[in-house]
Amino acid sequence: MSRPTLTEEYSKTCHFQFYWRITIIPKILFSAAVNYACMVKSTVSNTNSTTD
């Protein structure tokens, strides 16, 4: 059993960070879109209830 070299560890960490970034960014965008949609929906329902 040979221990992984420093460069291997480094590349593993870089890959992990890269994959984490490309997965976290869509999650952030998605949650932001959901929050925005909820905000718009509540705003629309508020204006509808006031106009009644």
PDB file of N, CA and C in Angstrom:
ATOM      1  N   MET A   1       0.862  -1.200   0.000  1.00  0.00           N
ATOM      2  CA  MET A   1       0.000   0.000   0.000  1.00  0.00           C
ATOM      3  C   MET A   1       0.893   1.243   0.000  1.00  0.00           C
ATOM      4  N   SER A   2       0.907   1.932  -1.100  1.00  0.00           N
ATOM      5  CA  SER A   2       1.707   3.150  -1.172  1.00  0.00           C
ATOM      6  C   SER A   2       0.815   4.352  -0.886  1.00  0.00           C
ATOM      7  N   ARG A   3       1.357   5.261  -0.110  1.00  0.00           N
ATOM      8  CA  ARG A   3       0.575   6.450   0.200  1.00  0.00           C
ATOM      9  C   ARG A   3       0.498   7.343  -1.036  1.00  0.00           C
ATOM     10  N   PRO A   4      -0.631   7.999  -1.266  1.00  0.00           N
ATOM     11  CA  PRO A   4      -0.742   8.902  -2.419  1.00  0.00           C
ATOM     12  C   PRO A   4       0.217  10.071  -2.291  1.00  0.00           C
ATOM     13  N   THR A   5       0.761  10.478  -3.412  1.00  0.00           N
ATOM     14  CA  THR A   5       1.720  11.583  -3.386  1.00  0.00           C
ATOM     15  C   THR A   5       0.986  12.899  -3.182  1.00  0.00           C
ATOM     16  N   LEU A   6       1.747  13.928  -2.926  1.00  0.00           N
ATOM     17  CA  LEU A   6       1.171  15.243  -2.670  1.00  0.00           C
ATOM     18  C   LEU A   6       0.425  15.751  -3.904  1.00  0.00           C
ATOM     19  N   THR A   7       0.990  15.506  -5.079  1.00  0.00           N
ATOM     20  CA  THR A   7       0.338  15.984  -6.308  1.00  0.00           C
ATOM     21  C   THR A   7      -0.980  15.254  -6.525  1.00  0.00           C
ATOM     22  N   GLU A   8      -1.028  13.967  -6.207  1.00  0.00           N
ATOM     23  CA  GLU A   8      -2.283  13.227  -6.359  1.00  0.00           C
ATOM     24  C   GLU A   8      -3.341  13.775  -5.420  1.00  0.00           C
ATOM     25  N   GLU A   9      -2.933  14.011  -4.182  1.00  0.00           N
ATOM     26  CA  GLU A   9      -3.865  14.592  -3.214  1.00  0.00           C
ATOM     27  C   GLU A   9      -4.350  15.959  -3.693  1.00  0.00           C
ATOM     28  N   TYR A  10      -3.425  16.725  -4.215  1.00  0.00           N
ATOM     29  CA  TYR A  10      -3.756  18.074  -4.683  1.00  0.00           C
ATOM     30  C   TYR A  10      -4.752  18.013  -5.840  1.00  0.00           C
ATOM     31  N   SER A  11      -4.486  17.131  -6.797  1.00  0.00           N
ATOM     32  CA  SER A  11      -5.374  17.025  -7.951  1.00  0.00           C
ATOM     33  C   SER A  11      -6.751  16.529  -7.513  1.00  0.00           C
ATOM     34  N   LYS A  12      -6.779  15.618  -6.545  1.00  0.00           N
ATOM     35  CA  LYS A  12      -8.057  15.133  -6.032  1.00  0.00           C
ATOM     36  C   LYS A  12      -8.854  16.282  -5.424  1.00  0.00           C
ATOM     37  N   THR A  13      -8.167  17.103  -4.648  1.00  0.00           N
ATOM     38  CA  THR A  13      -8.828  18.237  -4.010  1.00  0.00           C
ATOM     39  C   THR A  13      -9.341  19.221  -5.056  1.00  0.00           C
ATOM     40  N   CYS A  14      -8.531  19.448  -6.079  1.00  0.00           N
ATOM     41  CA  CYS A  14      -8.939  20.372  -7.143  1.00  0.00           C
ATOM     42  C   CYS A  14     -10.171  19.838  -7.858  1.00  0.00           C
ATOM     43  N   HIS A  15     -10.168  18.550  -8.153  1.00  0.00           N
ATOM     44  CA  HIS A  15     -11.324  17.953  -8.823  1.00  0.00           C
ATOM     45  C   HIS A  15     -12.554  18.060  -7.947  1.00  0.00           C
ATOM     46  N   PHE A  16     -12.372  17.797  -6.661  1.00  0.00           N
ATOM     47  CA  PHE A  16     -13.506  17.886  -5.746  1.00  0.00           C
ATOM     48  C   PHE A  16     -14.070  19.301  -5.739  1.00  0.00           C
ATOM     49  N   GLN A  17     -13.198  20.294  -5.637  1.00  0.00           N
ATOM     50  CA  GLN A  17     -13.648  21.684  -5.620  1.00  0.00           C
ATOM     51  C   GLN A  17     -14.338  22.043  -6.933  1.00  0.00           C
ATOM     52  N   PHE A  18     -13.787  21.523  -8.043  1.00  0.00           N
ATOM     53  CA  PHE A  18     -14.379  21.813  -9.341  1.00  0.00           C
ATOM     54  C   PHE A  18     -15.789  21.236  -9.426  1.00  0.00           C
ATOM     55  N   TYR A  19     -15.930  19.969  -9.038  1.00  0.00           N
ATOM     56  CA  TYR A  19     -17.257  19.338  -9.099  1.00  0.00           C
ATOM     57  C   TYR A  19     -18.207  19.995  -8.110  1.00  0.00           C
ATOM     58  N   TRP A  20     -17.673  20.377  -6.952  1.00  0.00           N
ATOM     59  CA  TRP A  20     -18.523  21.026  -5.958  1.00  0.00           C
ATOM     60  C   TRP A  20     -19.051  22.341  -6.521  1.00  0.00           C
ATOM     61  N   ARG A  21     -18.164  23.067  -7.229  1.00  0.00           N
ATOM     62  CA  ARG A  21     -18.597  24.349  -7.815  1.00  0.00           C
ATOM     63  C   ARG A  21     -19.651  24.141  -8.880  1.00  0.00           C
ATOM     64  N   ILE A  22     -19.420  23.188  -9.786  1.00  0.00           N
ATOM     65  CA  ILE A  22     -20.371  23.037 -10.888  1.00  0.00           C
ATOM     66  C   ILE A  22     -21.683  22.440 -10.412  1.00  0.00           C
ATOM     67  N   THR A  23     -21.708  21.840  -9.208  1.00  0.00           N
ATOM     68  CA  THR A  23     -22.985  21.344  -8.692  1.00  0.00           C
ATOM     69  C   THR A  23     -23.650  22.380  -7.801  1.00  0.00           C
ATOM     70  N   ILE A  24     -22.861  23.204  -7.112  1.00  0.00           N
ATOM     71  CA  ILE A  24     -23.450  24.158  -6.170  1.00  0.00           C
ATOM     72  C   ILE A  24     -24.037  25.365  -6.895  1.00  0.00           C
ATOM     73  N   ILE A  25     -23.427  25.757  -8.010  1.00  0.00           N
ATOM     74  CA  ILE A  25     -23.924  26.945  -8.716  1.00  0.00           C
ATOM     75  C   ILE A  25     -25.350  26.727  -9.238  1.00  0.00           C
ATOM     76  N   PRO A  26     -25.649  25.593  -9.907  1.00  0.00           N
ATOM     77  CA  PRO A  26     -27.043  25.367 -10.309  1.00  0.00           C
ATOM     78  C   PRO A  26     -27.993  25.314  -9.113  1.00  0.00           C
ATOM     79  N   LYS A  27     -27.530  24.764  -8.000  1.00  0.00           N
ATOM     80  CA  LYS A  27     -28.386  24.713  -6.808  1.00  0.00           C
ATOM     81  C   LYS A  27     -28.717  26.114  -6.334  1.00  0.00           C
ATOM     82  N   ILE A  28     -27.711  26.984  -6.317  1.00  0.00           N
ATOM     83  CA  ILE A  28     -27.928  28.370  -5.882  1.00  0.00           C
ATOM     84  C   ILE A  28     -28.892  29.077  -6.836  1.00  0.00           C
ATOM     85  N   LEU A  29     -28.653  28.882  -8.140  1.00  0.00           N
ATOM     86  CA  LEU A  29     -29.526  29.517  -9.129  1.00  0.00           C
ATOM     87  C   LEU A  29     -30.948  28.998  -8.993  1.00  0.00           C
ATOM     88  N   PHE A  30     -31.079  27.686  -8.783  1.00  0.00           N
ATOM     89  CA  PHE A  30     -32.402  27.085  -8.671  1.00  0.00           C
ATOM     90  C   PHE A  30     -33.137  27.628  -7.448  1.00  0.00           C
ATOM     91  N   SER A  31     -32.445  27.658  -6.316  1.00  0.00           N
ATOM     92  CA  SER A  31     -33.090  28.147  -5.095  1.00  0.00           C
ATOM     93  C   SER A  31     -33.446  29.624  -5.237  1.00  0.00           C
ATOM     94  N   ALA A  32     -32.580  30.375  -5.911  1.00  0.00           N
ATOM     95  CA  ALA A  32     -32.874  31.790  -6.129  1.00  0.00           C
ATOM     96  C   ALA A  32     -34.107  31.945  -7.012  1.00  0.00           C
ATOM     97  N   ALA A  33     -34.197  31.106  -8.043  1.00  0.00           N
ATOM     98  CA  ALA A  33     -35.354  31.165  -8.937  1.00  0.00           C
ATOM     99  C   ALA A  33     -36.625  30.794  -8.183  1.00  0.00           C
ATOM    100  N   VAL A  34     -36.545  29.783  -7.327  1.00  0.00           N
ATOM    101  CA  VAL A  34     -37.711  29.369  -6.543  1.00  0.00           C
ATOM    102  C   VAL A  34     -38.131  30.481  -5.595  1.00  0.00           C
ATOM    103  N   ASN A  35     -37.144  31.089  -4.928  1.00  0.00           N
ATOM    104  CA  ASN A  35     -37.458  32.188  -4.014  1.00  0.00           C
ATOM    105  C   ASN A  35     -38.115  33.341  -4.761  1.00  0.00           C
ATOM    106  N   TYR A  36     -37.573  33.634  -5.946  1.00  0.00           N
ATOM    107  CA  TYR A  36     -38.121  34.728  -6.748  1.00  0.00           C
ATOM    108  C   TYR A  36     -39.555  34.419  -7.166  1.00  0.00           C
ATOM    109  N   ALA A  37     -39.782  33.182  -7.588  1.00  0.00           N
ATOM    110  CA  ALA A  37     -41.125  32.777  -8.016  1.00  0.00           C
ATOM    111  C   ALA A  37     -42.107  32.883  -6.854  1.00  0.00           C
ATOM    112  N   CYS A  38     -41.676  32.452  -5.676  1.00  0.00           N
ATOM    113  CA  CYS A  38     -42.547  32.538  -4.498  1.00  0.00           C
ATOM    114  C   CYS A  38     -42.857  33.994  -4.168  1.00  0.00           C
ATOM    115  N   MET A  39     -41.833  34.846  -4.286  1.00  0.00           N
ATOM    116  CA  MET A  39     -42.006  36.252  -3.991  1.00  0.00           C
ATOM    117  C   MET A  39     -43.014  36.875  -4.968  1.00  0.00           C
ATOM    118  N   VAL A  40     -42.842  36.560  -6.260  1.00  0.00           N
ATOM    119  CA  VAL A  40     -43.752  37.087  -7.279  1.00  0.00           C
ATOM    120  C   VAL A  40     -45.170  36.590  -7.027  1.00  0.00           C
ATOM    121  N   LYS A  41     -45.281  35.297  -6.700  1.00  0.00           N
ATOM    122  CA  LYS A  41     -46.595  34.710  -6.463  1.00  0.00           C
ATOM    123  C   LYS A  41     -47.286  35.394  -5.291  1.00  0.00           C
ATOM    124  N   SER A  42     -46.543  35.609  -4.213  1.00  0.00           N
ATOM    125  CA  SER A  42     -47.134  36.249  -3.034  1.00  0.00           C
ATOM    126  C   SER A  42     -47.499  37.692  -3.349  1.00  0.00           C
ATOM    127  N   THR A  43     -46.669  38.357  -4.158  1.00  0.00           N
ATOM    128  CA  THR A  43     -46.968  39.738  -4.539  1.00  0.00           C
ATOM    129  C   THR A  43     -48.241  39.789  -5.369  1.00  0.00           C
ATOM    130  N   VAL A  44     -48.364  38.859  -6.307  1.00  0.00           N
ATOM    131  CA  VAL A  44     -49.554  38.819  -7.168  1.00  0.00           C
ATOM    132  C   VAL A  44     -50.791  38.518  -6.336  1.00  0.00           C
ATOM    133  N   SER A  45     -50.689  37.566  -5.419  1.00  0.00           N
ATOM    134  CA  SER A  45     -51.855  37.225  -4.599  1.00  0.00           C
ATOM    135  C   SER A  45     -52.212  38.389  -3.679  1.00  0.00           C
ATOM    136  N   ASN A  46     -51.201  39.123  -3.216  1.00  0.00           N
ATOM    137  CA  ASN A  46     -51.467  40.279  -2.369  1.00  0.00           C
ATOM    138  C   ASN A  46     -52.216  41.359  -3.145  1.00  0.00           C
ATOM    139  N   THR A  47     -51.782  41.620  -4.377  1.00  0.00           N
ATOM    140  CA  THR A  47     -52.439  42.651  -5.183  1.00  0.00           C
ATOM    141  C   THR A  47     -53.842  42.193  -5.547  1.00  0.00           C
ATOM    142  N   ASN A  48     -54.012  40.887  -5.778  1.00  0.00           N
ATOM    143  CA  ASN A  48     -55.342  40.370  -6.109  1.00  0.00           C
ATOM    144  C   ASN A  48     -56.280  40.530  -4.921  1.00  0.00           C
ATOM    145  N   SER A  49     -55.797  40.251  -3.729  1.00  0.00           N
ATOM    146  CA  SER A  49     -56.657  40.333  -2.550  1.00  0.00           C
ATOM    147  C   SER A  49     -57.006  41.789  -2.249  1.00  0.00           C
ATOM    148  N   THR A  50     -56.101  42.711  -2.547  1.00  0.00           N
ATOM    149  CA  THR A  50     -56.395  44.122  -2.269  1.00  0.00           C
ATOM    150  C   THR A  50     -57.351  44.676  -3.308  1.00  0.00           C
ATOM    151  N   THR A  51     -57.303  44.196  -4.549  1.00  0.00           N
ATOM    152  CA  THR A  51     -58.181  44.730  -5.585  1.00  0.00           C
ATOM    153  C   THR A  51     -59.591  44.191  -5.436  1.00  0.00           C
ATOM    154  N   ASP A  52     -59.766  43.066  -4.746  1.00  0.00           N
ATOM    155  CA  ASP A  52     -61.118  42.512  -4.578  1.00  0.00           C
ATOM    156  C   ASP A  52     -61.998  43.466  -3.772  1.00  0.00           C
TER     157      ASP A  52
END
